[in-house]
Protein backbone atom coordinates (compact mmCIF):
# COMPACT_ATOMS: atom_id res chain seq x y z
CA MET A 1 -3.09 -16.84 18.39
CA LEU A 2 -3.78 -13.99 20.80
CA LYS A 3 -5.93 -14.74 23.85
CA ASP A 4 -8.73 -12.33 24.58
CA PHE A 5 -7.83 -10.34 27.69
CA LEU A 6 -9.61 -7.26 26.33
CA THR A 7 -13.35 -7.90 26.43
CA GLU A 8 -13.48 -8.19 30.22
CA SER A 9 -11.92 -4.71 30.49
CA LYS A 10 -14.74 -3.02 28.56
CA LYS A 11 -16.69 -2.53 31.78
CA LYS A 12 -13.97 -0.08 32.84
CA PHE A 13 -14.43 2.15 29.76
CA SER A 14 -15.80 5.61 30.49
CA ASP A 15 -15.02 7.83 27.50
CA HIS A 16 -14.61 6.62 23.91
CA THR A 17 -11.94 3.92 24.21
CA GLU A 18 -10.02 1.67 21.83
CA LEU A 19 -8.13 -1.24 23.37
CA ARG A 20 -5.88 -3.22 21.01
CA ALA A 21 -3.57 -6.20 21.44
CA GLN A 22 -1.26 -6.90 18.53
CA VAL A 23 1.69 -9.00 17.46
CA ASN A 24 3.69 -8.69 14.23
CA THR A 25 6.03 -11.51 13.24
CA ASN A 26 8.47 -11.27 10.38
CA LYS A 27 10.86 -13.77 8.82
CA ARG A 28 13.31 -12.62 6.16
CA VAL A 29 16.15 -14.19 4.17
CA VAL A 30 18.40 -12.23 1.80
CA MET A 31 20.72 -13.84 -0.76
CA LEU A 32 23.27 -11.63 -2.57
CA ALA A 33 25.24 -13.30 -5.37
CA GLY A 34 24.63 -16.68 -3.77
CA ASN A 35 25.69 -15.61 -0.29
CA MET A 36 23.24 -15.35 2.57
CA VAL A 37 23.63 -11.80 3.86
CA GLY A 38 20.41 -11.63 5.84
CA ASN A 39 18.62 -14.17 8.01
CA THR A 40 16.28 -12.59 10.56
CA GLN A 41 13.26 -13.45 12.66
CA THR A 42 11.46 -10.77 14.66
CA GLU A 43 8.37 -10.67 16.80
CA LYS A 44 7.00 -7.45 18.24
CA GLY A 45 3.82 -7.32 20.21
CA GLY A 46 1.96 -5.82 23.13
CA VAL A 47 -1.15 -3.88 24.00
CA CYS A 48 -2.27 -0.27 23.64
CA ALA A 49 -5.20 1.88 24.66
CA ARG A 50 -6.48 5.16 23.28
CA VAL A 51 -9.08 7.29 25.08
CA TYR A 52 -10.87 10.32 23.58
CA ARG A 53 -11.99 13.15 25.82
CA GLY A 54 -12.95 16.71 24.94
CA GLY A 55 -11.21 16.77 21.56
CA THR A 56 -7.90 15.10 22.44
CA TYR A 57 -6.66 11.54 22.79
CA GLY A 58 -4.73 9.94 25.60
CA PHE A 59 -2.58 7.04 24.43
CA ALA A 60 -0.50 4.43 26.23
CA SER A 61 1.11 1.14 25.26
CA GLY A 62 3.14 -1.67 26.77
CA ALA A 63 5.18 -4.54 25.40
CA GLU A 64 3.67 -7.12 27.77
CA TYR A 65 0.25 -8.62 27.06
CA THR A 66 -1.41 -9.99 30.20
CA ARG A 67 -4.59 -9.22 32.12
CA GLU A 68 -2.58 -7.02 34.45
CA SER A 69 -0.80 -5.13 31.65
CA VAL A 70 -4.12 -4.48 29.89
CA GLY A 71 -5.45 -2.84 33.05
CA ASP A 72 -2.27 -0.79 33.51
CA VAL A 73 -2.28 0.47 29.92
CA LEU A 74 -5.98 1.33 30.04
CA LYS A 75 -5.50 3.24 33.29
CA ALA A 76 -2.52 5.17 31.86
CA ALA A 77 -4.36 6.10 28.67
CA THR A 78 -7.39 7.30 30.67
CA GLU A 79 -5.15 9.45 32.87
CA ASN A 80 -3.37 10.83 29.80
CA ALA A 81 -6.72 11.74 28.24
CA ALA A 82 -7.76 13.60 31.39
CA PHE A 83 -4.42 15.46 31.45
CA MET A 84 -4.68 16.44 27.78
CA ASP A 85 -8.28 17.59 28.18
CA LYS A 86 -7.43 19.67 31.24
CA ASN A 87 -4.41 21.36 29.69
CA ILE A 88 -5.59 21.78 26.08
CA GLY A 89 -9.28 22.24 26.79
CA ARG A 90 -10.77 22.05 23.31
CA GLY A 91 -14.20 21.35 24.72
CA GLU A 92 -15.26 19.10 21.86
CA PRO A 93 -18.28 16.80 22.30
CA PRO A 94 -17.90 13.01 22.32
CA LEU A 95 -17.31 11.27 19.00
CA PRO A 96 -20.54 10.27 17.22
CA ASP A 97 -21.63 6.68 17.67
CA ILE A 98 -21.30 4.14 14.89
CA GLU A 99 -24.81 3.13 13.89
CA ASN A 100 -25.68 -0.57 14.18
CA PRO A 101 -22.13 -1.98 14.22
CA PRO A 102 -21.66 -5.76 14.31
CA ALA A 103 -20.86 -6.96 17.80
CA LYS A 104 -17.62 -8.58 16.70
CA VAL A 105 -15.94 -9.48 13.42
CA GLU A 106 -14.24 -12.85 13.85
CA LEU A 107 -11.82 -14.75 11.66
CA LYS A 108 -13.28 -17.60 9.64
CA LYS A 109 -10.15 -19.72 10.21
CA PRO A 110 -8.27 -18.36 13.22
CA ILE A 111 -5.85 -21.28 13.47
CA PHE A 112 -2.45 -20.57 11.91
CA GLU A 113 0.65 -22.72 12.03
CA ASP A 114 3.87 -20.74 11.77
CA ILE A 115 6.53 -21.89 9.32
CA PRO A 116 10.17 -22.63 10.21
CA GLN A 117 12.88 -20.31 8.94
CA ASN A 118 14.53 -23.03 6.87
CA ILE A 119 11.59 -22.98 4.43
CA LEU A 120 12.54 -19.44 3.42
CA ILE A 121 16.26 -20.30 3.41
CA ASP A 122 15.80 -23.32 1.15
CA TYR A 123 13.47 -21.45 -1.19
CA ALA A 124 15.85 -18.51 -1.59
CA ARG A 125 18.82 -20.81 -2.28
CA VAL A 126 17.02 -22.88 -4.90
CA LEU A 127 15.63 -19.77 -6.58
CA ASP A 128 19.11 -18.25 -6.66
CA GLU A 129 20.48 -21.43 -8.25
CA LEU A 130 17.72 -21.31 -10.87
CA VAL A 131 18.60 -17.69 -11.73
CA VAL A 132 22.29 -18.52 -12.12
CA LYS A 133 21.55 -21.56 -14.28
CA LYS A 134 19.13 -19.86 -16.65
CA PHE A 135 20.44 -16.31 -17.01
CA LYS A 136 24.03 -16.07 -18.19
CA ASN A 137 24.47 -12.35 -18.76
CA ILE A 138 23.79 -10.97 -15.31
CA SER A 139 26.52 -9.39 -13.22
CA SER A 140 24.68 -9.51 -9.90
CA ARG A 141 21.47 -10.80 -8.38
CA THR A 142 19.63 -10.45 -5.09
CA ILE A 143 16.90 -12.76 -3.81
CA VAL A 144 14.70 -11.92 -0.81
CA ALA A 145 12.15 -14.26 0.79
CA ASP A 146 9.92 -12.54 3.34
CA ALA A 147 6.94 -13.55 5.47
CA LEU A 148 5.04 -10.97 7.53
CA CYS A 149 2.08 -11.77 9.77
CA MET A 150 -0.07 -9.18 11.56
CA GLU A 151 -2.58 -10.23 14.21
CA LYS A 152 -4.79 -7.80 16.12
CA LEU A 153 -7.49 -8.07 18.77
CA LEU A 154 -9.63 -4.96 19.18
CA ALA A 155 -12.22 -4.00 21.80
CA VAL A 156 -13.94 -0.61 21.55
CA SER A 157 -16.54 1.29 23.53
CA ASN A 158 -18.57 1.93 20.40
CA GLY A 159 -18.14 0.13 17.10
CA ALA A 160 -17.14 -3.36 16.11
CA ASP A 161 -14.77 -5.48 18.17
CA SER A 162 -12.60 -7.53 15.86
CA HIS A 163 -9.96 -10.18 15.45
CA PHE A 164 -7.77 -9.34 12.47
CA PHE A 165 -5.26 -11.81 11.11
CA GLN A 166 -3.34 -11.33 7.87
CA PRO A 167 -0.21 -13.24 6.77
CA ARG A 168 1.52 -11.76 3.72
CA SER A 169 4.30 -13.57 1.83
CA MET A 170 6.73 -11.92 -0.57
CA VAL A 171 9.63 -12.82 -2.87
CA TYR A 172 11.76 -10.03 -4.34
CA VAL A 173 14.25 -10.48 -7.19
CA TRP A 174 16.81 -7.94 -8.42
CA LEU A 175 18.82 -8.67 -11.58
CA THR A 176 21.75 -6.52 -12.73
CA ALA A 177 23.61 -6.53 -16.05
CA ASP A 178 26.38 -4.36 -17.50
CA THR A 179 26.04 -2.38 -20.71
CA SER A 180 28.74 -2.43 -23.39
CA ASP A 181 30.24 0.71 -21.84
CA GLY A 182 30.32 -0.84 -18.37
CA VAL A 183 27.31 0.93 -16.89
CA PRO A 184 25.21 -1.36 -14.66
CA VAL A 185 21.47 -1.53 -15.29
CA GLU A 186 19.03 -3.18 -12.90
CA LEU A 187 15.45 -4.43 -12.84
CA PHE A 188 13.31 -5.58 -9.93
CA LYS A 189 10.29 -7.85 -9.63
CA GLY A 190 8.17 -8.41 -6.56
CA PHE A 191 5.88 -11.42 -6.05
CA SER A 192 3.34 -11.36 -3.24
CA HIS A 193 0.39 -13.25 -1.84
CA VAL A 194 -1.84 -13.14 1.23
CA GLY A 195 -1.33 -16.43 3.02
CA ARG A 196 1.37 -18.65 4.44
CA PHE A 197 4.66 -18.60 2.51
CA ASP A 198 4.73 -22.28 1.60
CA GLU A 199 1.08 -22.22 0.49
CA TYR A 200 1.89 -19.91 -2.43
CA PHE A 201 5.63 -20.20 -2.98
CA LYS A 202 5.71 -23.98 -3.20
CA GLU A 203 8.39 -24.44 -5.85
CA PRO A 204 10.81 -21.78 -7.19
CA HIS A 205 10.35 -22.98 -10.78
CA MET A 206 6.75 -21.69 -10.59
CA LEU A 207 8.22 -18.18 -11.00
CA GLU A 208 10.35 -19.21 -13.97
CA GLN A 209 8.19 -17.70 -16.71
CA GLU A 210 7.92 -14.31 -15.02
CA LEU A 211 11.65 -14.30 -14.31
CA GLU A 212 12.31 -15.03 -17.97
CA GLU A 213 10.24 -11.98 -18.85
CA LEU A 214 12.20 -9.93 -16.31
CA TYR A 215 15.50 -11.10 -17.78
CA LYS A 216 14.32 -10.36 -21.32
CA SER A 217 13.40 -6.83 -20.28
CA LEU A 218 16.79 -6.40 -18.60
CA MET A 219 18.60 -7.45 -21.77
CA GLU A 220 16.51 -4.98 -23.76
CA LYS A 221 17.24 -2.24 -21.26
CA ARG A 222 20.95 -3.05 -21.46
CA GLU A 223 20.83 -2.08 -25.15
CA GLY A 224 18.43 0.78 -24.52
CA VAL A 225 18.58 4.42 -25.49
CA TYR A 226 17.99 7.61 -23.55
CA ALA A 227 14.57 9.21 -23.65
CA ASN A 228 14.00 12.56 -25.29
CA ALA A 229 13.06 15.08 -22.64
CA GLY A 230 9.82 17.03 -22.73
CA ILE A 231 6.05 16.72 -22.56
CA ARG A 232 5.33 13.44 -24.33
CA LYS A 233 2.34 11.26 -25.07
CA CYS A 234 2.74 8.23 -22.81
CA VAL A 235 1.03 4.98 -21.99
CA LEU A 236 1.42 4.10 -18.30
CA HIS A 237 1.51 0.42 -17.39
CA PRO A 238 -1.04 -0.45 -14.65
CA ASP A 239 1.70 -0.91 -12.02
CA LEU A 240 3.18 2.51 -12.68
CA ALA A 241 -0.25 4.17 -12.95
CA GLY A 242 -1.19 2.54 -9.65
CA MET A 243 1.92 3.85 -7.90
CA LEU A 244 1.27 7.38 -9.15
CA SER A 245 -2.37 7.17 -8.08
CA HIS A 246 -1.34 6.07 -4.60
CA GLU A 247 1.51 8.51 -3.99
CA ALA A 248 0.47 11.62 -5.89
CA VAL A 249 -3.32 11.43 -5.52
CA GLY A 250 -4.17 9.07 -2.65
CA HIS A 251 -2.17 10.87 0.01
CA THR A 252 -3.60 14.27 -0.92
CA VAL A 253 -7.13 13.01 -0.21
CA GLU A 254 -6.41 11.59 3.24
CA ALA A 255 -8.37 13.91 5.52
CA ASP A 256 -5.47 14.69 7.85
CA MET A 257 -3.45 15.81 4.80
CA VAL A 258 -6.46 17.83 3.61
CA LEU A 259 -6.66 19.59 6.98
CA GLY A 260 -2.94 20.25 6.65
CA GLY A 261 -3.55 22.15 3.40
CA SER A 262 -3.18 19.57 0.62
CA VAL A 263 -4.23 20.44 -2.91
CA ALA A 264 -7.48 18.52 -2.37
CA ALA A 265 -8.64 20.93 0.35
CA HIS A 266 -10.21 23.37 -2.13
CA ASN A 267 -11.16 20.93 -4.88
CA LEU A 268 -14.05 18.95 -3.41
CA ASN A 269 -16.82 18.54 -6.00
CA LYS A 270 -14.55 20.05 -8.65
CA GLN A 271 -13.04 18.45 -11.73
CA VAL A 272 -9.57 17.13 -10.92
CA ALA A 273 -9.20 14.55 -13.70
CA SER A 274 -10.51 13.44 -17.06
CA GLU A 275 -14.11 12.23 -17.13
CA LEU A 276 -12.63 8.78 -17.79
CA ILE A 277 -11.10 8.65 -14.29
CA SER A 278 -12.91 7.17 -11.31
CA MET A 279 -10.93 6.21 -8.23
CA THR A 280 -11.99 4.31 -5.10
CA ASP A 281 -10.32 3.17 -1.92
CA PHE A 282 -11.86 -0.30 -1.64
CA ALA A 283 -12.33 -1.96 1.74
CA HIS A 284 -12.64 -5.67 1.01
CA THR A 285 -14.39 -6.21 -2.34
CA ALA A 286 -13.83 -4.55 -5.73
CA PHE A 287 -15.60 -5.20 -9.01
CA GLY A 288 -17.30 -8.26 -7.55
CA LYS A 289 -14.11 -9.93 -6.30
CA PRO A 290 -12.17 -9.89 -3.00
CA VAL A 291 -9.36 -7.34 -2.91
CA PRO A 292 -5.80 -8.53 -2.21
CA LEU A 293 -5.59 -7.01 1.30
CA PRO A 294 -9.13 -6.95 2.70
CA ILE A 295 -10.04 -4.74 5.68
CA TYR A 296 -13.37 -5.36 7.44
CA VAL A 297 -12.88 -3.23 10.55
CA ASP A 298 -10.28 -0.53 11.12
CA ASP A 299 -8.33 0.05 14.33
CA GLU A 300 -10.93 2.49 15.67
CA GLY A 301 -13.64 -0.18 15.42
CA THR A 302 -15.27 1.39 12.36
CA PRO A 303 -16.77 -1.15 9.93
CA ALA A 304 -14.95 -0.77 6.62
CA GLU A 305 -16.77 0.52 3.56
CA ASP A 306 -15.53 1.71 0.17
CA ALA A 307 -14.44 5.35 0.02
CA ILE A 308 -15.31 6.96 -3.32
CA LEU A 309 -12.57 9.48 -4.09
CA ILE A 310 -12.99 10.52 -7.73
CA GLU A 311 -16.06 9.85 -9.85
CA ASN A 312 -16.00 10.64 -13.57
CA GLY A 313 -13.24 13.16 -12.97
CA ILE A 314 -14.93 14.92 -10.04
CA LEU A 315 -13.36 14.81 -6.55
CA LYS A 316 -16.13 13.33 -4.41
CA GLY A 317 -14.62 12.62 -1.02
CA TYR A 318 -11.73 11.98 1.32
CA MET A 319 -10.54 9.10 3.50
CA HIS A 320 -11.31 9.58 7.19
CA SER A 321 -10.81 8.68 10.80
CA ARG A 322 -13.76 9.08 13.15
CA GLU A 323 -12.53 12.48 14.25
CA SER A 324 -11.96 13.86 10.74
CA ALA A 325 -15.29 12.44 9.58
CA ARG A 326 -17.04 14.46 12.29
CA HIS A 327 -15.13 17.58 11.24
CA PHE A 328 -16.31 17.21 7.63
CA GLY A 329 -19.79 16.02 8.56
CA VAL A 330 -19.55 12.66 6.82
CA LYS A 331 -19.70 8.99 7.76
CA PRO A 332 -16.36 7.33 8.65
CA GLN A 333 -15.58 4.35 6.41
CA GLY A 334 -12.78 2.55 8.20
CA ASN A 335 -9.48 4.14 7.12
CA ALA A 336 -7.78 4.49 10.53
CA ARG A 337 -5.02 1.87 10.78
CA ALA A 338 -1.92 1.22 12.87
CA PHE A 339 1.10 -0.91 11.92
CA GLU A 340 2.39 -1.92 15.36
CA TYR A 341 0.88 -2.15 18.83
CA SER A 342 2.76 1.00 19.88
CA ASP A 343 1.38 3.04 16.95
CA GLU A 344 -1.74 5.18 17.08
CA PRO A 345 -4.12 4.72 14.13
CA LEU A 346 -3.58 7.10 11.22
CA ILE A 347 -5.72 7.71 8.16
CA ARG A 348 -4.38 5.24 5.63
CA MET A 349 -5.23 3.86 2.22
CA ARG A 350 -6.39 0.25 1.94
CA ASN A 351 -6.84 -0.90 -1.68
CA THR A 352 -6.77 2.26 -3.80
CA VAL A 353 -7.21 1.98 -7.56
CA ILE A 354 -8.44 3.74 -10.67
CA HIS A 355 -11.37 1.92 -12.23
CA PRO A 356 -10.83 0.03 -15.53
CA GLY A 357 -12.09 1.65 -18.73
CA LYS A 358 -13.22 0.30 -22.09
CA ASP A 359 -10.07 0.31 -24.23
CA LYS A 360 -7.55 -2.44 -24.92
CA LEU A 361 -3.93 -1.91 -23.89
CA SER A 362 -2.90 -2.75 -27.45
CA ASP A 363 -5.15 0.06 -28.71
CA LEU A 364 -3.59 2.55 -26.29
CA ILE A 365 -0.15 1.73 -27.69
CA ALA A 366 -1.35 1.67 -31.32
CA SER A 367 -2.83 5.17 -30.92
CA VAL A 368 0.55 6.81 -30.11
CA ASP A 369 2.67 8.00 -33.03
CA ASP A 370 5.69 9.15 -31.04
CA GLY A 371 5.86 8.60 -27.30
CA TYR A 372 6.70 6.13 -24.55
CA TYR A 373 5.30 3.06 -22.85
CA LEU A 374 6.37 3.42 -19.21
CA VAL A 375 6.33 0.13 -17.34
CA LYS A 376 8.19 0.10 -14.02
CA THR A 377 9.02 2.72 -11.42
CA GLY A 378 11.70 2.46 -8.76
CA ASN A 379 11.47 5.28 -6.27
CA GLY A 380 10.16 8.80 -6.17
CA GLN A 381 8.36 11.39 -4.16
CA ALA A 382 5.15 13.40 -4.11
CA ASP A 383 4.01 16.20 -1.83
CA SER A 384 0.72 17.63 -0.61
CA THR A 385 0.42 19.81 -3.71
CA GLY A 386 0.18 16.68 -5.85
CA GLU A 387 3.50 17.49 -7.47
CA PHE A 388 5.52 14.33 -8.11
CA MET A 389 8.77 13.02 -9.51
CA PHE A 390 9.38 9.30 -10.05
CA SER A 391 12.13 7.28 -11.59
CA VAL A 392 11.28 5.03 -14.54
CA ASP A 393 13.28 1.80 -14.41
CA LEU A 394 11.75 0.25 -17.52
CA GLY A 395 10.11 1.80 -20.53
CA TYR A 396 9.94 1.55 -24.32
CA GLU A 397 9.70 3.92 -27.22
CA ILE A 398 6.42 3.96 -29.15
CA LYS A 399 6.92 4.72 -32.84
CA ASN A 400 3.99 4.76 -35.24
CA GLY A 401 1.84 2.78 -32.85
CA LYS A 402 4.41 0.03 -32.18
CA LEU A 403 6.79 -0.65 -29.33
CA GLY A 404 10.38 0.20 -30.15
CA ARG A 405 13.64 0.21 -28.23
CA ALA A 406 13.85 0.05 -24.46
CA ILE A 407 14.95 3.22 -22.69
CA ARG A 408 17.50 3.69 -19.94
CA GLU A 409 16.55 5.06 -16.53
CA THR A 410 14.70 8.34 -16.72
CA THR A 411 12.20 10.31 -14.66
CA ILE A 412 8.63 11.51 -14.94
CA SER A 413 7.29 14.57 -13.17
CA GLY A 414 4.26 16.78 -12.99
CA VAL A 415 1.20 17.66 -10.91
CA ALA A 416 -1.13 14.71 -10.42
CA PHE A 417 -4.49 16.41 -10.94
CA GLU A 418 -3.20 18.20 -14.05
CA MET A 419 -1.73 14.97 -15.45
CA LEU A 420 -5.00 13.09 -14.85
CA LYS A 421 -6.89 15.73 -16.84
CA THR A 422 -4.90 14.69 -19.93
CA VAL A 423 -6.00 11.02 -19.73
CA ASP A 424 -7.93 10.19 -22.89
CA MET A 425 -7.83 6.38 -22.92
CA VAL A 426 -8.15 3.83 -20.07
CA SER A 427 -7.58 0.11 -20.56
CA ASP A 428 -10.17 -2.49 -19.62
CA ASP A 429 -7.81 -4.71 -17.65
CA MET A 430 -7.00 -4.58 -13.95
CA SER A 431 -3.71 -5.16 -12.13
CA TRP A 432 -3.12 -5.30 -8.35
CA GLU A 433 0.17 -4.80 -6.54
CA ILE A 434 0.57 -5.65 -2.81
CA SER A 435 4.27 -6.37 -2.37
CA GLY A 436 5.33 -3.01 -0.95
CA PHE A 437 4.65 -0.78 2.02
CA CYS A 438 3.17 2.69 2.28
CA GLY A 439 5.32 4.98 4.41
CA LYS A 440 3.43 7.69 6.30
CA LYS A 441 5.08 8.13 9.70
CA GLN A 442 4.71 4.34 10.10
CA PRO A 443 4.75 1.63 7.41
CA MET A 444 1.53 -0.02 6.31
CA THR A 445 0.53 -2.83 3.97
CA THR A 446 -1.66 -1.51 1.14
CA GLY A 447 -3.00 -2.61 -2.21
CA MET A 448 -2.73 -0.42 -5.30
CA GLY A 449 -3.05 -0.72 -9.04
CA GLY A 450 -5.60 -0.25 -11.78
CA PRO A 451 -5.64 -0.15 -15.58
CA ALA A 452 -3.20 1.33 -18.11
CA LEU A 453 -3.62 5.03 -18.94
CA ARG A 454 -2.83 7.13 -21.99
CA CYS A 455 -1.86 10.64 -20.96
CA GLU A 456 0.65 13.44 -21.39
CA MET A 457 3.68 13.30 -19.12
CA ASN A 458 6.83 15.33 -18.55
CA VAL A 459 9.62 12.84 -19.32
CA GLY A 460 13.22 13.45 -18.31
CA GLY A 461 16.11 12.95 -20.72
CA ARG A 462 19.71 11.97 -20.23
């Protein structure tokens, strides 16, 4: 665990200052067709300081974390802030104070025992053997075992000092099969948990049921048909709806993207979705339960609160840093986060989801005469206009209210706010996904998800 060399340096703060020590450790094992092709351990840590003066920041970082290096980094950041203020000269006032922040947010259980690499190696090998034994019609398989731990100490001139510690454990499985005409088809499943790897992934056979479902879907996809292109009535599985919400909506309502001209810039307090759609970026608790990746204090020292984005179809707000919150005249809610010690905090999502509705998933499907149930997405892209295009790795026909044949890979595309206006049914269940990373100049762990949606979607064909 990180020692606190930061608090004693607070007496040297003059302007608004954020002083952060951080270490990220990552262990990763990759098995391809039974062969270990990846076996890595990395640790990257150090200290950084950011100082705000007159409308600009001075930033500095160093890979050594000692009392002396903390002083050196703080001095460099202060000098950089003075240089930026002198040469840019925006003349902005100091950042507003955070009202009544807690003195420090501490971990409840700060003691953590690291795990040896062989735990991941043994797990990946046994899981690979299980896949080979149970699933006879696959042509290739890839198993990844991954353990990432982020630890941060934060001391700020105004706000909440904090000690953040979050281990995240992941297992990824790719299965590939060949169609009758020799075309490979693939499906992927990610499993994730916040905590030490061997606390959650105790025995590979515990994933057996979900892997059987993955294999069953792969076999159905192998015999699948191509989708008919056009605007179609679709039911989006919660995982796919969550990904679209994150990529095509969430990024457009990050305040730095808004200031850059995103589609959300001129839509505040306007209808951007069906009245059935409410969307929140949750900090640490959602619907009375802890979220998968809780954030209590961001990397600017702002206590984390929920950010209401869409309420009953109306765009209500953005996600902010302290600086953007001042620009828009609102309260910051703790969305400024950095992935590594050498990164400056950026406005990032935390746990962003559409709220559950009142309908059953089975009723969503039963209500469609001719359309598609879209389940899994692979990759895709969205831009600041909200326009998106995503691949669909797994989907099914819906005929007369019943699931039909699986479909081969296809795409979906559209404009997020226009697509959300077509939503006319929202399921009452809730699904979270935390196995991936959000990429916005620097990676970041985020939670996403929500309920299933019935909407109209532009589906690609062959």
